[in-house]
Amino acid sequence: MRILIHMCILMILVPDSQDRPRLKIGQVIEPYYLFRDRGTEVVFASPAGGAPVSTAAGQERATAVRRLRDDHLAREALADTLSLDQVSAADFQAAFCIGPSEQLGAGGDHPTSLVIAQLLDAGKPVAMLSDSGGVRLLITGDAPGPAARALLGALSNLASHDARR
């Protein structure tokens, strides 16, 4: 007998309010559909809630962006994200964060940092994609074997991604 486990990932979207007030849709929609296509529920949140993602023209060539045009529920969720003060780490199995590196650090009093700290304190994995040029992946756990396998899996995925470029 196969037991299905409900998985829910929090996608934290942090726009850079000074240089670029909104994230680009291409940064957000590819991981969103990757999670959804594997049967995972995805909940969007941003520091103030609302619509932190730009759907400006110019990115229509991406397959995921074209798919978004036909996905009313995803467009609605991106237009009205939860604010971070509405989020409880207990409701999610993991988080995927996108935004400026200075606002994604697990420290300080920025609302994003506070939510990330809550997730990590609860033993939840957190991946961070920063527009400062890198991918960050925090893997937490109490067993070295699974943590090492997760790290190797992440490295394998990065190597595959780099090879496709």
C-alpha atoms as a PDB file:
ATOM      1  CA  MET A   1       0.000   0.000   0.000  1.00  0.00           C
ATOM      2  CA  ARG A   2       1.394   3.383  -1.033  1.00  0.00           C
ATOM      3  CA  ILE A   3       0.876   6.295   1.362  1.00  0.00           C
ATOM      4  CA  LEU A   4       0.610   9.740  -0.188  1.00  0.00           C
ATOM      5  CA  ILE A   5       2.118  12.555   1.822  1.00  0.00           C
ATOM      6  CA  HIS A   6       0.845  16.074   1.270  1.00  0.00           C
ATOM      7  CA  MET A   7       3.805  18.359   0.573  1.00  0.00           C
ATOM      8  CA  CYS A   8       3.609  22.119   0.688  1.00  0.00           C
ATOM      9  CA  ILE A   9       6.473  24.439  -0.265  1.00  0.00           C
ATOM     10  CA  LEU A  10       6.571  28.105   0.634  1.00  0.00           C
ATOM     11  CA  MET A  11       7.971  30.257  -2.178  1.00  0.00           C
ATOM     12  CA  ILE A  12       9.213  33.503  -0.663  1.00  0.00           C
ATOM     13  CA  LEU A  13       9.502  36.244  -3.283  1.00  0.00           C
ATOM     14  CA  VAL A  14      11.587  39.238  -2.204  1.00  0.00           C
ATOM     15  CA  PRO A  15      11.778  42.109  -4.679  1.00  0.00           C
ATOM     16  CA  ASP A  16      14.611  44.617  -4.452  1.00  0.00           C
ATOM     17  CA  SER A  17      12.682  47.776  -3.699  1.00  0.00           C
ATOM     18  CA  GLN A  18      15.589  50.078  -4.566  1.00  0.00           C
ATOM     19  CA  ASP A  19      17.048  48.926  -7.879  1.00  0.00           C
ATOM     20  CA  ARG A  20      14.301  46.700  -9.218  1.00  0.00           C
ATOM     21  CA  PRO A  21      10.964  46.847  -7.419  1.00  0.00           C
ATOM     22  CA  ARG A  22       9.704  43.555  -8.865  1.00  0.00           C
ATOM     23  CA  LEU A  23      11.090  40.114  -9.596  1.00  0.00           C
ATOM     24  CA  LYS A  24      11.008  38.867 -13.173  1.00  0.00           C
ATOM     25  CA  ILE A  25       8.439  36.185 -13.925  1.00  0.00           C
ATOM     26  CA  GLY A  26      11.083  33.881 -15.401  1.00  0.00           C
ATOM     27  CA  GLN A  27      12.840  33.672 -12.009  1.00  0.00           C
ATOM     28  CA  VAL A  28       9.670  32.486 -10.309  1.00  0.00           C
ATOM     29  CA  ILE A  29       7.624  30.421 -12.708  1.00  0.00           C
ATOM     30  CA  GLU A  30      10.150  27.698 -13.637  1.00  0.00           C
ATOM     31  CA  PRO A  31      10.634  26.444 -10.044  1.00  0.00           C
ATOM     32  CA  TYR A  32       6.902  26.907  -9.385  1.00  0.00           C
ATOM     33  CA  TYR A  33       5.966  24.498 -12.183  1.00  0.00           C
ATOM     34  CA  LEU A  34       8.773  22.111 -11.233  1.00  0.00           C
ATOM     35  CA  PHE A  35       7.221  21.802  -7.759  1.00  0.00           C
ATOM     36  CA  ARG A  36       3.634  21.667  -9.012  1.00  0.00           C
ATOM     37  CA  ASP A  37       4.394  19.018 -11.638  1.00  0.00           C
ATOM     38  CA  ARG A  38       5.644  16.764  -8.844  1.00  0.00           C
ATOM     39  CA  GLY A  39       2.355  17.095  -6.966  1.00  0.00           C
ATOM     40  CA  THR A  40       3.557  19.635  -4.432  1.00  0.00           C
ATOM     41  CA  GLU A  41       1.331  22.468  -3.275  1.00  0.00           C
ATOM     42  CA  VAL A  42       3.025  25.861  -3.606  1.00  0.00           C
ATOM     43  CA  VAL A  43       2.169  28.938  -1.562  1.00  0.00           C
ATOM     44  CA  PHE A  44       3.605  32.335  -2.521  1.00  0.00           C
ATOM     45  CA  ALA A  45       4.580  34.916   0.099  1.00  0.00           C
ATOM     46  CA  SER A  46       6.437  38.221  -0.005  1.00  0.00           C
ATOM     47  CA  PRO A  47       7.419  40.753   2.659  1.00  0.00           C
ATOM     48  CA  ALA A  48       4.384  42.991   2.121  1.00  0.00           C
ATOM     49  CA  GLY A  49       2.108  40.606   0.223  1.00  0.00           C
ATOM     50  CA  GLY A  50       0.547  41.653  -3.041  1.00  0.00           C
ATOM     51  CA  ALA A  51       2.175  41.352  -6.457  1.00  0.00           C
ATOM     52  CA  PRO A  52       6.002  41.273  -6.263  1.00  0.00           C
ATOM     53  CA  VAL A  53       6.464  39.711  -9.718  1.00  0.00           C
ATOM     54  CA  SER A  54       6.685  41.568 -13.016  1.00  0.00           C
ATOM     55  CA  THR A  55       4.908  39.934 -15.919  1.00  0.00           C
ATOM     56  CA  ALA A  56       6.325  42.459 -18.375  1.00  0.00           C
ATOM     57  CA  ALA A  57       6.663  41.520 -22.024  1.00  0.00           C
ATOM     58  CA  GLY A  58       9.949  40.212 -23.320  1.00  0.00           C
ATOM     59  CA  GLN A  59      10.035  36.824 -21.610  1.00  0.00           C
ATOM     60  CA  GLU A  60       7.241  35.132 -23.582  1.00  0.00           C
ATOM     61  CA  ARG A  61       9.676  32.701 -25.219  1.00  0.00           C
ATOM     62  CA  ALA A  62      10.152  30.682 -22.034  1.00  0.00           C
ATOM     63  CA  THR A  63       7.982  27.571 -21.962  1.00  0.00           C
ATOM     64  CA  ALA A  64       6.971  28.101 -18.331  1.00  0.00           C
ATOM     65  CA  VAL A  65       5.930  31.704 -19.031  1.00  0.00           C
ATOM     66  CA  ARG A  66       3.807  30.581 -21.974  1.00  0.00           C
ATOM     67  CA  ARG A  67       2.241  27.949 -19.723  1.00  0.00           C
ATOM     68  CA  LEU A  68       1.446  30.632 -17.143  1.00  0.00           C
ATOM     69  CA  ARG A  69      -0.723  32.493 -19.658  1.00  0.00           C
ATOM     70  CA  ASP A  70      -3.181  29.568 -19.565  1.00  0.00           C
ATOM     71  CA  ASP A  71      -2.988  29.060 -15.787  1.00  0.00           C
ATOM     72  CA  HIS A  72      -5.500  31.379 -14.128  1.00  0.00           C
ATOM     73  CA  LEU A  73      -4.873  29.998 -10.616  1.00  0.00           C
ATOM     74  CA  ALA A  74      -1.117  30.593 -10.817  1.00  0.00           C
ATOM     75  CA  ARG A  75      -1.572  34.120 -12.165  1.00  0.00           C
ATOM     76  CA  GLU A  76      -4.029  34.866  -9.363  1.00  0.00           C
ATOM     77  CA  ALA A  77      -1.658  33.478  -6.699  1.00  0.00           C
ATOM     78  CA  LEU A  78       1.224  35.587  -8.038  1.00  0.00           C
ATOM     79  CA  ALA A  79      -0.933  38.718  -8.074  1.00  0.00           C
ATOM     80  CA  ASP A  80      -1.930  38.332  -4.423  1.00  0.00           C
ATOM     81  CA  THR A  81       0.851  36.709  -2.378  1.00  0.00           C
ATOM     82  CA  LEU A  82       0.577  36.287   1.378  1.00  0.00           C
ATOM     83  CA  SER A  83       2.543  38.748   3.481  1.00  0.00           C
ATOM     84  CA  LEU A  84       5.305  37.130   5.515  1.00  0.00           C
ATOM     85  CA  ASP A  85       3.553  37.990   8.785  1.00  0.00           C
ATOM     86  CA  GLN A  86       0.736  35.644   7.682  1.00  0.00           C
ATOM     87  CA  VAL A  87       3.133  32.681   7.324  1.00  0.00           C
ATOM     88  CA  SER A  88       3.748  29.938   9.866  1.00  0.00           C
ATOM     89  CA  ALA A  89       6.742  27.635   9.367  1.00  0.00           C
ATOM     90  CA  ALA A  90       4.671  24.740  10.724  1.00  0.00           C
ATOM     91  CA  ASP A  91       2.467  24.818   7.599  1.00  0.00           C
ATOM     92  CA  PHE A  92       5.308  23.981   5.176  1.00  0.00           C
ATOM     93  CA  GLN A  93       7.749  21.145   4.558  1.00  0.00           C
ATOM     94  CA  ALA A  94      10.320  23.388   2.820  1.00  0.00           C
ATOM     95  CA  ALA A  95      10.903  26.843   1.382  1.00  0.00           C
ATOM     96  CA  PHE A  96      12.327  28.222  -1.844  1.00  0.00           C
ATOM     97  CA  CYS A  97      13.374  31.878  -1.617  1.00  0.00           C
ATOM     98  CA  ILE A  98      14.143  34.268  -4.466  1.00  0.00           C
ATOM     99  CA  GLY A  99      15.516  37.769  -4.016  1.00  0.00           C
ATOM    100  CA  PRO A 100      18.499  39.975  -3.171  1.00  0.00           C
ATOM    101  CA  SER A 101      21.132  38.192  -1.076  1.00  0.00           C
ATOM    102  CA  GLU A 102      21.199  40.862   1.638  1.00  0.00           C
ATOM    103  CA  GLN A 103      17.515  40.215   2.353  1.00  0.00           C
ATOM    104  CA  LEU A 104      17.734  36.400   2.210  1.00  0.00           C
ATOM    105  CA  GLY A 105      20.302  35.935   4.958  1.00  0.00           C
ATOM    106  CA  ALA A 106      19.172  33.887   7.945  1.00  0.00           C
ATOM    107  CA  GLY A 107      19.782  36.659  10.430  1.00  0.00           C
ATOM    108  CA  GLY A 108      18.752  40.192  11.221  1.00  0.00           C
ATOM    109  CA  ASP A 109      15.272  41.569  11.625  1.00  0.00           C
ATOM    110  CA  HIS A 110      14.107  41.634   8.001  1.00  0.00           C
ATOM    111  CA  PRO A 111      10.780  39.718   7.786  1.00  0.00           C
ATOM    112  CA  THR A 112      12.330  37.307   5.285  1.00  0.00           C
ATOM    113  CA  SER A 113      15.203  36.506   7.637  1.00  0.00           C
ATOM    114  CA  LEU A 114      12.777  35.865  10.486  1.00  0.00           C
ATOM    115  CA  VAL A 115      10.697  33.391   8.460  1.00  0.00           C
ATOM    116  CA  ILE A 116      13.831  31.625   7.162  1.00  0.00           C
ATOM    117  CA  ALA A 117      15.130  31.337  10.741  1.00  0.00           C
ATOM    118  CA  GLN A 118      11.791  29.831  11.861  1.00  0.00           C
ATOM    119  CA  LEU A 119      11.922  27.285   9.030  1.00  0.00           C
ATOM    120  CA  LEU A 120      15.515  26.315   9.818  1.00  0.00           C
ATOM    121  CA  ASP A 121      14.797  26.113  13.557  1.00  0.00           C
ATOM    122  CA  ALA A 122      11.945  23.719  12.703  1.00  0.00           C
ATOM    123  CA  GLY A 123      14.359  21.543  10.679  1.00  0.00           C
ATOM    124  CA  LYS A 124      12.841  22.473   7.307  1.00  0.00           C
ATOM    125  CA  PRO A 125      15.086  22.645   4.196  1.00  0.00           C
ATOM    126  CA  VAL A 126      15.465  26.067   2.613  1.00  0.00           C
ATOM    127  CA  ALA A 127      16.862  26.854  -0.837  1.00  0.00           C
ATOM    128  CA  MET A 128      17.747  30.433  -1.703  1.00  0.00           C
ATOM    129  CA  LEU A 129      18.204  31.870  -5.182  1.00  0.00           C
ATOM    130  CA  SER A 130      19.868  35.251  -5.059  1.00  0.00           C
ATOM    131  CA  ASP A 131      20.205  37.631  -7.951  1.00  0.00           C
ATOM    132  CA  SER A 132      23.720  38.380  -6.740  1.00  0.00           C
ATOM    133  CA  GLY A 133      24.977  35.530  -8.869  1.00  0.00           C
ATOM    134  CA  GLY A 134      24.547  32.281  -7.048  1.00  0.00           C
ATOM    135  CA  VAL A 135      22.370  29.542  -5.706  1.00  0.00           C
ATOM    136  CA  ARG A 136      22.358  28.844  -2.000  1.00  0.00           C
ATOM    137  CA  LEU A 137      21.060  25.661  -0.495  1.00  0.00           C
ATOM    138  CA  LEU A 138      20.731  25.074   3.222  1.00  0.00           C
ATOM    139  CA  ILE A 139      20.242  21.455   4.192  1.00  0.00           C
ATOM    140  CA  THR A 140      19.309  20.722   7.772  1.00  0.00           C
ATOM    141  CA  GLY A 141      18.764  17.464   9.553  1.00  0.00           C
ATOM    142  CA  ASP A 142      19.928  15.201  12.335  1.00  0.00           C
ATOM    143  CA  ALA A 143      21.402  12.375  10.248  1.00  0.00           C
ATOM    144  CA  PRO A 144      24.624  12.821   8.273  1.00  0.00           C
ATOM    145  CA  GLY A 145      23.833  10.225   5.583  1.00  0.00           C
ATOM    146  CA  PRO A 146      20.624  11.827   4.265  1.00  0.00           C
ATOM    147  CA  ALA A 147      22.180  15.304   4.484  1.00  0.00           C
ATOM    148  CA  ALA A 148      25.213  14.149   2.483  1.00  0.00           C
ATOM    149  CA  ARG A 149      22.954  12.496  -0.140  1.00  0.00           C
ATOM    150  CA  ALA A 150      20.890  15.688  -0.428  1.00  0.00           C
ATOM    151  CA  LEU A 151      24.050  17.719  -0.961  1.00  0.00           C
ATOM    152  CA  LEU A 152      25.298  15.289  -3.629  1.00  0.00           C
ATOM    153  CA  GLY A 153      21.893  15.470  -5.336  1.00  0.00           C
ATOM    154  CA  ALA A 154      22.051  19.251  -5.329  1.00  0.00           C
ATOM    155  CA  LEU A 155      25.575  19.196  -6.775  1.00  0.00           C
ATOM    156  CA  SER A 156      24.497  16.739  -9.458  1.00  0.00           C
ATOM    157  CA  ASN A 157      21.585  18.984 -10.414  1.00  0.00           C
ATOM    158  CA  LEU A 158      23.828  22.050 -10.576  1.00  0.00           C
ATOM    159  CA  ALA A 159      26.352  20.196 -12.741  1.00  0.00           C
ATOM    160  CA  SER A 160      23.571  19.083 -15.104  1.00  0.00           C
ATOM    161  CA  HIS A 161      22.239  22.633 -15.294  1.00  0.00           C
ATOM    162  CA  ASP A 162      25.700  24.054 -16.013  1.00  0.00           C
ATOM    163  CA  ALA A 163      26.305  21.438 -18.724  1.00  0.00           C
ATOM    164  CA  ARG A 164      23.099  22.495 -20.527  1.00  0.00           C
ATOM    165  CA  ARG A 165      24.246  26.127 -20.713  1.00  0.00           C
END
